[in-house]
Structures are given as structure tokens and as C-alpha cells.
């Protein structure tokens, strides 16, 4: 049986993927992250096709709801 020459890196790659997931989860909780992504929705050439393509329906709905809340809070602050 031939061993894959890259198998020696599997533990390190698994740890890296897990760490990236942790940071992704932390960034998803950030209002700055939500607003940045909401700006993509405002760009007519991008719309929210990226989110619909790469995120599940539940996460897409959650982001839209969160973005609407942030915009609503901002409108209250400036009025």
C-alpha cells in the first residue's frame, strides 16, 4: 500500500481548518462583518447572489435580519 506523500501534514491541516473555523465564527458575530456583507447586497451588480449561493437559507435569513436591525438602530441614532 502506497502512503500519500502529504499525509504527514494531515494533523496540521486539520488544526488549521479548525482554527480558521473559530475565527470565521467570531467574525460572523461582528457588526462590522455584517455591514460589510450588507454593502454587497446594496451593490446592484452583486445583490445577494453570493450569499444565496454559498450560505444556507437559514444563515442567509439570519444575516438579512441582523443587517436590518443594524440599519434600524443606525437610523435611530442619526434621527
C-alpha atoms as a PDB file:
ATOM      1  CA  UNK A   1       0.000   0.000   0.000  1.00  0.00           C
ATOM      2  CA  UNK A   2       1.413   3.380  -1.022  1.00  0.00           C
ATOM      3  CA  UNK A   3       1.235   6.150   1.538  1.00  0.00           C
ATOM      4  CA  UNK A   4       0.216   9.615   0.344  1.00  0.00           C
ATOM      5  CA  UNK A   5       3.268  11.909   0.490  1.00  0.00           C
ATOM      6  CA  UNK A   6       1.149  14.678   2.018  1.00  0.00           C
ATOM      7  CA  UNK A   7      -0.356  12.553   4.806  1.00  0.00           C
ATOM      8  CA  UNK A   8       2.310  13.814   7.195  1.00  0.00           C
ATOM      9  CA  UNK A   9       0.608  17.214   7.051  1.00  0.00           C
ATOM     10  CA  UNK A  10      -2.916  15.999   7.843  1.00  0.00           C
ATOM     11  CA  UNK A  11      -2.847  16.770  11.587  1.00  0.00           C
ATOM     12  CA  UNK A  12      -1.532  20.293  10.990  1.00  0.00           C
ATOM     13  CA  UNK A  13      -4.029  20.936   8.204  1.00  0.00           C
ATOM     14  CA  UNK A  14      -6.921  19.690  10.347  1.00  0.00           C
ATOM     15  CA  UNK A  15      -5.832  22.004  13.183  1.00  0.00           C
ATOM     16  CA  UNK A  16      -5.550  24.929  10.745  1.00  0.00           C
ATOM     17  CA  UNK A  17      -9.022  24.294   9.349  1.00  0.00           C
ATOM     18  CA  UNK A  18     -10.444  24.165  12.867  1.00  0.00           C
ATOM     19  CA  UNK A  19      -8.722  27.460  13.797  1.00  0.00           C
ATOM     20  CA  UNK A  20      -9.994  29.151  10.633  1.00  0.00           C
ATOM     21  CA  UNK A  21     -13.491  27.969  11.557  1.00  0.00           C
ATOM     22  CA  UNK A  22     -13.150  29.515  15.022  1.00  0.00           C
ATOM     23  CA  UNK A  23     -12.118  32.888  13.587  1.00  0.00           C
ATOM     24  CA  UNK A  24     -14.831  32.722  10.938  1.00  0.00           C
ATOM     25  CA  UNK A  25     -17.429  32.153  13.658  1.00  0.00           C
ATOM     26  CA  UNK A  26     -16.061  35.104  15.656  1.00  0.00           C
ATOM     27  CA  UNK A  27     -16.113  37.410  12.637  1.00  0.00           C
ATOM     28  CA  UNK A  28     -19.671  36.392  11.797  1.00  0.00           C
ATOM     29  CA  UNK A  29     -20.754  37.796  15.182  1.00  0.00           C
ATOM     30  CA  UNK A  30     -19.247  41.203  14.371  1.00  0.00           C
ATOM     31  CA  UNK A  31     -21.483  44.058  13.253  1.00  0.00           C
ATOM     32  CA  UNK A  32     -18.665  45.312  11.019  1.00  0.00           C
ATOM     33  CA  UNK A  33     -18.659  41.965   9.216  1.00  0.00           C
ATOM     34  CA  UNK A  34     -22.420  42.066   8.791  1.00  0.00           C
ATOM     35  CA  UNK A  35     -22.382  45.629   7.471  1.00  0.00           C
ATOM     36  CA  UNK A  36     -19.528  44.850   5.084  1.00  0.00           C
ATOM     37  CA  UNK A  37     -21.535  41.971   3.684  1.00  0.00           C
ATOM     38  CA  UNK A  38     -24.706  44.042   3.659  1.00  0.00           C
ATOM     39  CA  UNK A  39     -22.903  46.569   1.433  1.00  0.00           C
ATOM     40  CA  UNK A  40     -22.518  43.779  -1.107  1.00  0.00           C
ATOM     41  CA  UNK A  41     -26.293  43.449  -1.072  1.00  0.00           C
ATOM     42  CA  UNK A  42     -26.623  47.170  -1.812  1.00  0.00           C
ATOM     43  CA  UNK A  43     -24.379  46.924  -4.875  1.00  0.00           C
ATOM     44  CA  UNK A  44     -26.777  46.256  -7.769  1.00  0.00           C
ATOM     45  CA  UNK A  45     -24.166  44.235  -9.635  1.00  0.00           C
ATOM     46  CA  UNK A  46     -23.632  41.863  -6.722  1.00  0.00           C
ATOM     47  CA  UNK A  47     -27.010  41.797  -4.982  1.00  0.00           C
ATOM     48  CA  UNK A  48     -27.098  38.947  -2.525  1.00  0.00           C
ATOM     49  CA  UNK A  49     -26.393  36.204  -5.058  1.00  0.00           C
ATOM     50  CA  UNK A  50     -23.118  35.403  -3.306  1.00  0.00           C
ATOM     51  CA  UNK A  51     -24.914  34.701  -0.029  1.00  0.00           C
ATOM     52  CA  UNK A  52     -27.631  32.646  -1.620  1.00  0.00           C
ATOM     53  CA  UNK A  53     -25.041  30.598  -3.474  1.00  0.00           C
ATOM     54  CA  UNK A  54     -22.555  29.982  -0.659  1.00  0.00           C
ATOM     55  CA  UNK A  55     -24.648  30.112   2.525  1.00  0.00           C
ATOM     56  CA  UNK A  56     -27.599  28.046   3.584  1.00  0.00           C
ATOM     57  CA  UNK A  57     -31.084  29.544   3.631  1.00  0.00           C
ATOM     58  CA  UNK A  58     -31.121  29.788   7.437  1.00  0.00           C
ATOM     59  CA  UNK A  59     -27.830  31.694   7.631  1.00  0.00           C
ATOM     60  CA  UNK A  60     -28.890  33.939   4.740  1.00  0.00           C
ATOM     61  CA  UNK A  61     -32.123  34.850   6.532  1.00  0.00           C
ATOM     62  CA  UNK A  62     -30.236  35.439   9.798  1.00  0.00           C
ATOM     63  CA  UNK A  63     -27.764  37.817   8.137  1.00  0.00           C
ATOM     64  CA  UNK A  64     -30.533  39.783   6.423  1.00  0.00           C
ATOM     65  CA  UNK A  65     -32.399  40.080   9.736  1.00  0.00           C
ATOM     66  CA  UNK A  66     -29.238  41.174  11.577  1.00  0.00           C
ATOM     67  CA  UNK A  67     -28.376  43.731   8.872  1.00  0.00           C
ATOM     68  CA  UNK A  68     -31.894  45.182   9.020  1.00  0.00           C
ATOM     69  CA  UNK A  69     -31.595  45.521  12.801  1.00  0.00           C
ATOM     70  CA  UNK A  70     -28.230  47.305  12.497  1.00  0.00           C
ATOM     71  CA  UNK A  71     -29.591  49.710   9.870  1.00  0.00           C
ATOM     72  CA  UNK A  72     -32.675  50.345  12.002  1.00  0.00           C
ATOM     73  CA  UNK A  73     -30.514  51.100  15.063  1.00  0.00           C
ATOM     74  CA  UNK A  74     -28.321  53.401  12.979  1.00  0.00           C
ATOM     75  CA  UNK A  75     -31.352  55.298  11.697  1.00  0.00           C
ATOM     76  CA  UNK A  76     -32.479  55.821  15.298  1.00  0.00           C
ATOM     77  CA  UNK A  77     -29.033  57.127  16.244  1.00  0.00           C
ATOM     78  CA  UNK A  78     -28.944  59.717  13.466  1.00  0.00           C
ATOM     79  CA  UNK A  79     -32.518  60.940  13.798  1.00  0.00           C
END
